Protein backbone atom coordinates (compact mmCIF):
# COMPACT_ATOMS: atom_id res chain seq x y z
CA UNK A 1 63.71 108.70 106.03
CA UNK A 2 67.03 108.52 107.82
CA UNK A 3 67.87 105.14 109.31
CA UNK A 4 69.51 105.31 112.77
CA UNK A 5 71.34 102.32 114.21
CA UNK A 6 72.50 102.81 117.74
CA UNK A 7 75.27 100.74 119.30
CA UNK A 8 75.92 101.01 123.00
CA UNK A 9 79.64 100.13 122.88
CA UNK A 10 81.71 103.34 123.16
CA UNK A 11 78.54 105.33 122.37
CA UNK A 12 78.99 104.77 118.63
CA UNK A 13 76.11 105.78 116.37
CA UNK A 14 75.94 104.78 112.74
CA UNK A 15 73.82 107.10 110.69
CA UNK A 16 72.76 106.37 107.12
CA UNK A 17 71.17 109.07 104.97
CA UNK A 18 69.39 108.56 101.70
CA UNK A 19 69.42 111.64 99.49
CA UNK A 20 66.21 112.15 97.51
CA UNK A 21 67.90 113.87 94.58
CA UNK A 22 70.62 111.20 94.27
CA UNK A 23 69.23 108.09 96.00
CA UNK A 24 72.35 105.94 95.31
CA UNK A 25 74.60 108.21 97.41
CA UNK A 26 74.70 107.91 101.17
CA UNK A 27 77.19 108.33 103.98
CA UNK A 28 78.10 106.58 107.18
CA UNK A 29 79.08 108.50 110.27
CA UNK A 30 80.83 107.62 113.48
CA UNK A 31 79.80 110.37 115.81
CA UNK A 32 80.73 113.24 115.98
CA UNK A 33 82.56 113.52 112.72
CA UNK A 34 80.46 113.81 109.51
CA UNK A 35 77.68 116.27 110.26
CA UNK A 36 76.36 116.86 106.73
CA UNK A 37 76.77 116.09 103.06
CA UNK A 38 75.96 118.12 99.98
CA UNK A 39 75.94 117.06 96.38
CA UNK A 40 77.41 119.93 94.43
CA UNK A 41 76.30 121.08 90.98
CA UNK A 42 79.45 119.35 89.63
CA UNK A 43 78.11 116.04 91.00
CA UNK A 44 80.88 115.86 93.66
CA UNK A 45 80.19 115.28 97.29
CA UNK A 46 81.11 117.84 99.99
CA UNK A 47 81.28 116.40 103.50
CA UNK A 48 80.85 118.70 106.47
CA UNK A 49 82.87 117.52 109.40
CA UNK A 50 82.71 118.52 113.06
CA UNK A 51 86.04 117.50 114.56
CA UNK A 52 88.21 119.13 117.27
CA UNK A 53 91.13 121.02 115.81
CA UNK A 54 94.52 119.29 115.45
CA UNK A 55 92.96 115.80 115.34
CA UNK A 56 94.13 113.47 112.61
CA UNK A 57 91.03 112.52 110.60
CA UNK A 58 90.70 109.65 108.15
CA UNK A 59 87.97 109.49 105.51
CA UNK A 60 87.06 106.03 104.21
CA UNK A 61 84.71 105.07 101.39
CA UNK A 62 82.68 101.99 100.56
CA UNK A 63 80.23 100.87 97.95
CA UNK A 64 78.57 98.28 100.18
CA UNK A 65 79.26 99.34 103.82
CA UNK A 66 81.25 96.13 104.32
CA UNK A 67 84.50 96.76 102.41
CA UNK A 68 85.99 100.10 103.39
CA UNK A 69 89.00 101.74 101.76
CA UNK A 70 90.93 104.75 102.87
CA UNK A 71 90.48 107.93 100.79
CA UNK A 72 92.38 110.64 102.67
CA UNK A 73 93.96 111.51 106.00
CA UNK A 74 94.40 115.08 107.16
CA UNK A 75 94.81 117.21 110.29
CA UNK A 76 91.56 118.96 111.26
CA UNK A 77 91.35 122.72 111.63
CA UNK A 78 87.99 122.34 113.37
CA UNK A 79 84.63 122.30 111.48
CA UNK A 80 86.28 121.22 108.21
CA UNK A 81 84.79 120.37 104.90
CA UNK A 82 86.12 117.68 102.57
CA UNK A 83 85.09 117.50 98.92
CA UNK A 84 85.34 114.18 97.08
CA UNK A 85 86.29 115.61 93.67
CA UNK A 86 85.96 112.26 91.93
CA UNK A 87 82.41 111.20 92.90
CA UNK A 88 80.82 112.19 89.64
CA UNK A 89 83.23 109.83 87.76
CA UNK A 90 83.08 106.90 90.05
CA UNK A 91 80.56 104.50 91.55
CA UNK A 92 78.43 106.26 94.17
CA UNK A 93 79.69 105.45 97.64
CA UNK A 94 79.30 105.66 101.39
CA UNK A 95 81.66 107.66 103.63
CA UNK A 96 82.81 107.37 107.16
CA UNK A 97 85.26 109.38 109.22
CA UNK A 98 87.45 108.26 112.16
CA UNK A 99 90.17 109.87 114.27
CA UNK A 100 93.60 108.24 114.20
CA UNK A 101 95.74 108.00 117.31
CA UNK A 102 98.90 107.28 115.30
CA UNK A 103 101.01 110.39 115.66
CA UNK A 104 103.48 109.17 113.04
CA UNK A 105 101.01 108.66 110.22
CA UNK A 106 101.70 110.45 106.97
CA UNK A 107 99.02 112.92 105.93
CA UNK A 108 97.60 112.41 102.46
CA UNK A 109 95.49 110.25 100.12
CA UNK A 110 95.24 106.53 100.39
CA UNK A 111 95.65 103.59 98.01
CA UNK A 112 94.78 100.15 99.35
CA UNK A 113 97.44 97.43 98.67
CA UNK A 114 97.97 93.83 99.85
CA UNK A 115 100.54 95.18 102.33
CA UNK A 116 98.44 97.95 103.83
CA UNK A 117 97.59 101.41 102.49
CA UNK A 118 100.05 103.47 100.52
CA UNK A 119 99.64 107.10 101.66
CA UNK A 120 100.44 109.82 99.13
CA UNK A 121 101.77 113.11 100.50
CA UNK A 122 101.95 115.97 98.01
CA UNK A 123 104.88 118.36 98.18
CA UNK A 124 104.94 120.61 95.12
CA UNK A 125 104.75 120.56 91.30
CA UNK A 126 106.18 117.07 90.58
CA UNK A 127 107.47 116.20 94.05
CA UNK A 128 105.60 113.84 96.37
CA UNK A 129 106.26 111.19 98.97
CA UNK A 130 104.60 107.81 99.39
CA UNK A 131 104.53 105.95 102.72
CA UNK A 132 104.06 102.19 102.28
CA UNK A 133 104.77 99.07 104.34
CA UNK A 134 107.17 101.00 106.60
CA UNK A 135 109.08 102.54 103.65
CA UNK A 136 109.34 106.13 102.42
CA UNK A 137 109.36 106.57 98.68
CA UNK A 138 110.31 110.00 97.26
CA UNK A 139 109.51 111.10 93.72
CA UNK A 140 111.58 113.85 92.07
CA UNK A 141 112.37 115.65 95.35
CA UNK A 142 113.43 119.26 94.65
CA UNK A 143 113.13 122.50 96.49
CA UNK A 144 114.38 123.65 99.82
CA UNK A 145 115.16 121.00 102.39
CA UNK A 146 112.64 122.58 104.81
CA UNK A 147 109.86 121.12 102.64
CA UNK A 148 110.88 117.65 103.87
CA UNK A 149 112.24 118.26 107.36
CA UNK A 150 109.08 116.95 109.11
CA UNK A 151 109.10 113.70 107.02
CA UNK A 152 111.09 110.53 107.59
CA UNK A 153 114.08 110.30 105.27
CA UNK A 154 113.82 108.31 102.03
CA UNK A 155 114.24 104.58 101.61
CA UNK A 156 113.79 104.83 97.86
CA UNK A 157 114.07 107.86 95.56
CA UNK A 158 112.94 108.00 91.94
CA UNK A 159 114.46 110.79 89.74
CA UNK A 160 112.96 111.10 86.29
CA UNK A 161 115.36 113.42 84.44
CA UNK A 162 117.92 116.19 84.74
CA UNK A 163 115.79 119.36 84.69
CA UNK A 164 115.87 121.44 87.86
CA UNK A 165 112.21 120.97 88.74
CA UNK A 166 112.88 117.17 88.93
CA UNK A 167 116.50 116.80 89.91
CA UNK A 168 118.43 118.81 92.51
CA UNK A 169 121.48 117.23 94.07
CA UNK A 170 121.34 119.34 97.27
CA UNK A 171 117.77 118.19 97.98
CA UNK A 172 118.72 114.55 97.37
CA UNK A 173 121.55 114.94 99.88
CA UNK A 174 119.08 116.43 102.39
CA UNK A 175 116.39 113.69 102.19
CA UNK A 176 118.57 110.54 101.79
CA UNK A 177 120.01 108.45 104.61
CA UNK A 178 122.92 106.00 104.66
CA UNK A 179 121.05 103.13 103.03
CA UNK A 180 118.77 105.08 100.68
CA UNK A 181 118.47 103.65 97.22
CA UNK A 182 118.15 106.14 94.30
CA UNK A 183 116.85 105.13 90.83
CA UNK A 184 117.48 107.47 87.89
CA UNK A 185 118.40 107.62 84.21
CA UNK A 186 121.96 107.26 82.92
CA UNK A 187 121.88 110.98 81.96
CA UNK A 188 121.14 112.07 85.57
CA UNK A 189 123.63 109.49 86.97
CA UNK A 190 126.38 111.11 84.97
CA UNK A 191 125.66 114.43 86.54
CA UNK A 192 125.79 113.18 90.13
CA UNK A 193 128.61 113.46 92.64
CA UNK A 194 130.50 110.22 93.51
CA UNK A 195 128.68 110.26 96.86
CA UNK A 196 125.26 110.15 95.22
CA UNK A 197 126.41 107.72 92.53
CA UNK A 198 127.42 105.25 95.29
CA UNK A 199 123.77 104.82 96.33
CA UNK A 200 122.26 105.18 92.88
CA UNK A 201 121.16 102.57 90.30
CA UNK A 202 121.19 103.81 86.69
CA UNK A 203 118.12 102.53 84.89
CA UNK A 204 117.87 103.10 81.11
CA UNK A 205 114.60 103.14 79.18
CA UNK A 206 112.86 99.69 79.28
CA UNK A 207 115.06 98.37 82.05
CA UNK A 208 113.70 97.08 85.36
CA UNK A 209 115.01 96.82 88.91
CA UNK A 210 113.83 95.05 92.07
CA UNK A 211 114.30 97.11 95.19
CA UNK A 212 112.93 96.72 98.77
CA UNK A 213 110.12 94.41 97.69
CA UNK A 214 109.08 96.73 94.81
CA UNK A 215 109.48 96.43 91.05
CA UNK A 216 110.54 99.56 89.10
CA UNK A 217 110.15 99.74 85.34
CA UNK A 218 111.73 102.62 83.35
CA UNK A 219 109.36 103.73 80.62
CA UNK A 220 110.63 106.05 77.89
CA UNK A 221 109.66 109.69 78.52
CA UNK A 222 110.34 112.13 75.72
CA UNK A 223 109.20 114.98 73.47
CA UNK A 224 110.82 117.84 71.53
CA UNK A 225 112.28 119.36 74.73
CA UNK A 226 113.23 116.03 76.28
CA UNK A 227 115.26 113.77 73.93
CA UNK A 228 114.35 110.11 73.98
CA UNK A 229 116.65 108.07 76.27
CA UNK A 230 117.55 110.97 78.60
CA UNK A 231 114.62 110.60 80.98
CA UNK A 232 112.33 108.01 82.49
CA UNK A 233 108.72 107.65 83.38
CA UNK A 234 108.38 104.92 85.99
CA UNK A 235 105.95 102.08 86.76
CA UNK A 236 106.33 101.19 90.43
CA UNK A 237 104.69 98.00 91.60
CA UNK A 238 104.08 97.68 95.37
CA UNK A 239 101.63 95.48 97.27
CA UNK A 240 100.06 94.27 94.08
CA UNK A 241 99.35 97.77 92.76
CA UNK A 242 100.96 99.44 89.73
CA UNK A 243 101.68 103.19 89.97
CA UNK A 244 102.79 105.24 86.95
CA UNK A 245 104.76 108.47 87.31
CA UNK A 246 104.94 110.21 83.96
CA UNK A 247 107.73 112.76 84.58
CA UNK A 248 108.09 115.03 81.53
CA UNK A 249 106.79 113.33 78.43
CA UNK A 250 104.62 113.74 75.37
CA UNK A 251 101.59 111.62 74.52
CA UNK A 252 103.92 108.81 73.47
CA UNK A 253 103.01 105.25 72.37
CA UNK A 254 104.89 103.70 75.34
CA UNK A 255 102.53 105.49 77.73
CA UNK A 256 99.42 104.66 75.76
CA UNK A 257 100.47 100.97 75.80
CA UNK A 258 100.53 100.75 79.62
CA UNK A 259 98.27 98.10 81.09
CA UNK A 260 96.76 97.41 84.52
CA UNK A 261 97.74 100.79 86.03
CA UNK A 262 96.07 101.40 89.38
CA UNK A 263 97.19 104.93 89.91
CA UNK A 264 99.01 107.51 87.79
CA UNK A 265 100.59 110.90 88.19
CA UNK A 266 100.49 112.59 84.83
CA UNK A 267 102.08 115.91 83.77
CA UNK A 268 99.90 118.51 82.01
CA UNK A 269 101.58 121.83 81.12
CA UNK A 270 102.52 123.71 78.02
CA UNK A 271 104.94 123.86 76.30
CA UNK A 272 106.93 121.30 78.34
CA UNK A 273 104.67 118.20 78.49
CA UNK A 274 101.04 117.74 77.30
CA UNK A 275 97.92 119.72 76.83
CA UNK A 276 94.71 118.92 78.69
CA UNK A 277 93.27 117.26 75.66
CA UNK A 278 96.38 115.11 75.06
CA UNK A 279 96.44 113.89 78.64
CA UNK A 280 92.69 113.15 78.67
CA UNK A 281 93.04 111.18 75.44
CA UNK A 282 95.94 109.14 76.79
CA UNK A 283 94.16 108.46 80.08
CA UNK A 284 91.11 107.21 78.24
CA UNK A 285 93.46 104.92 76.28
CA UNK A 286 95.36 103.20 79.06
CA UNK A 287 92.56 103.60 81.67
CA UNK A 288 94.27 103.90 85.05
CA UNK A 289 91.91 103.46 87.99
CA UNK A 290 93.04 106.70 89.73
CA UNK A 291 94.61 109.76 88.13
CA UNK A 292 96.44 112.69 89.71
CA UNK A 293 97.05 115.58 87.29
CA UNK A 294 100.31 117.12 88.48
CA UNK A 295 103.02 119.40 86.98
CA UNK A 296 100.16 121.56 85.65
CA UNK A 297 101.72 125.05 85.79
CA UNK A 298 102.32 126.41 82.32
CA UNK A 299 105.36 128.44 81.17
CA UNK A 300 103.34 131.71 81.36
CA UNK A 301 102.43 131.08 85.00
CA UNK A 302 98.83 130.01 84.27
CA UNK A 303 97.48 126.61 85.24
CA UNK A 304 95.95 123.92 83.07
CA UNK A 305 92.16 123.67 83.35
CA UNK A 306 91.67 120.65 85.68
CA UNK A 307 87.91 120.78 85.49
CA UNK A 308 88.13 120.60 81.71
CA UNK A 309 90.38 117.59 82.09
CA UNK A 310 87.81 115.86 84.30
CA UNK A 311 85.12 116.61 81.79
CA UNK A 312 87.13 115.20 78.91
CA UNK A 313 88.01 112.05 80.84
CA UNK A 314 84.29 111.60 81.49
CA UNK A 315 82.62 108.80 83.49
CA UNK A 316 82.50 106.06 80.92
CA UNK A 317 85.49 104.16 82.32
CA UNK A 318 84.92 104.94 86.03
CA UNK A 319 88.36 106.61 86.23
CA UNK A 320 88.79 108.48 89.55
CA UNK A 321 90.39 111.84 89.00
CA UNK A 322 91.90 113.28 92.16
CA UNK A 323 92.32 117.03 91.95
CA UNK A 324 94.74 118.24 94.61
CA UNK A 325 96.50 121.55 95.30
CA UNK A 326 100.13 121.11 94.06
CA UNK A 327 100.90 124.88 94.15
């Protein structure tokens, strides 16, 4: 039976549902947002939302209804649905939805840190932006400047290596501001204009840098098409959380040796980076808490099988795989 708890203040109603087929999974609702939930054959949860169009909606999750963590923020199109594509690999949880009145909030997924949520905004392929603690962090920004014109300019930019789908000088010029800090490999640094070099720190494999209250570690990234020493993966530590950005790399020992990674972006395309099986094997080895497969368009235009990746990762280690539309 549903349990209804009515609260008079602001006409808030908390609704808890217990699903007979999966009794450990429930959701919390602040009226009028979550109107239904369905457990799909895949084991994922699809939330039905009834929200006026153009409202900024935030989905939170909890395992105990006391400690809530942001999952995703998006702009409603009216009568939306949101699918938690990681539920069948993580601890069953409760959901709630709220409307944000912050017009400047970045749209995207959340990662809780000791200095507030980091919000991850996907751009394309290997490009994304993270908003954290009042800072804007850009990863491998490429493409037309129009992709970024609605976003605040970068405080920190990470560039992994010289290939055009990761490094484009004109895009860097478009997204930087006067005091932007760029971190890249010596190979990319050598290809920059003097203007870009003036705001760039060259970081070789295994070197580290402290910038804007964050620690950046350059991890070797290499394979047959990417000579060792020319490019970097990065471990970015912010607010007590460690984020790994793979860039273009093979299933190398330096990646497998990573420890205490909270969130990773990991490339998965052939013949440039890794196969689905290689990535799944590596992820099971270093066990990040959250994984984003990205850079998953193959040379022939096909896409790596993300559902196969989820299946191979499995649920043994409670690794949350976030499948998002990068293309």
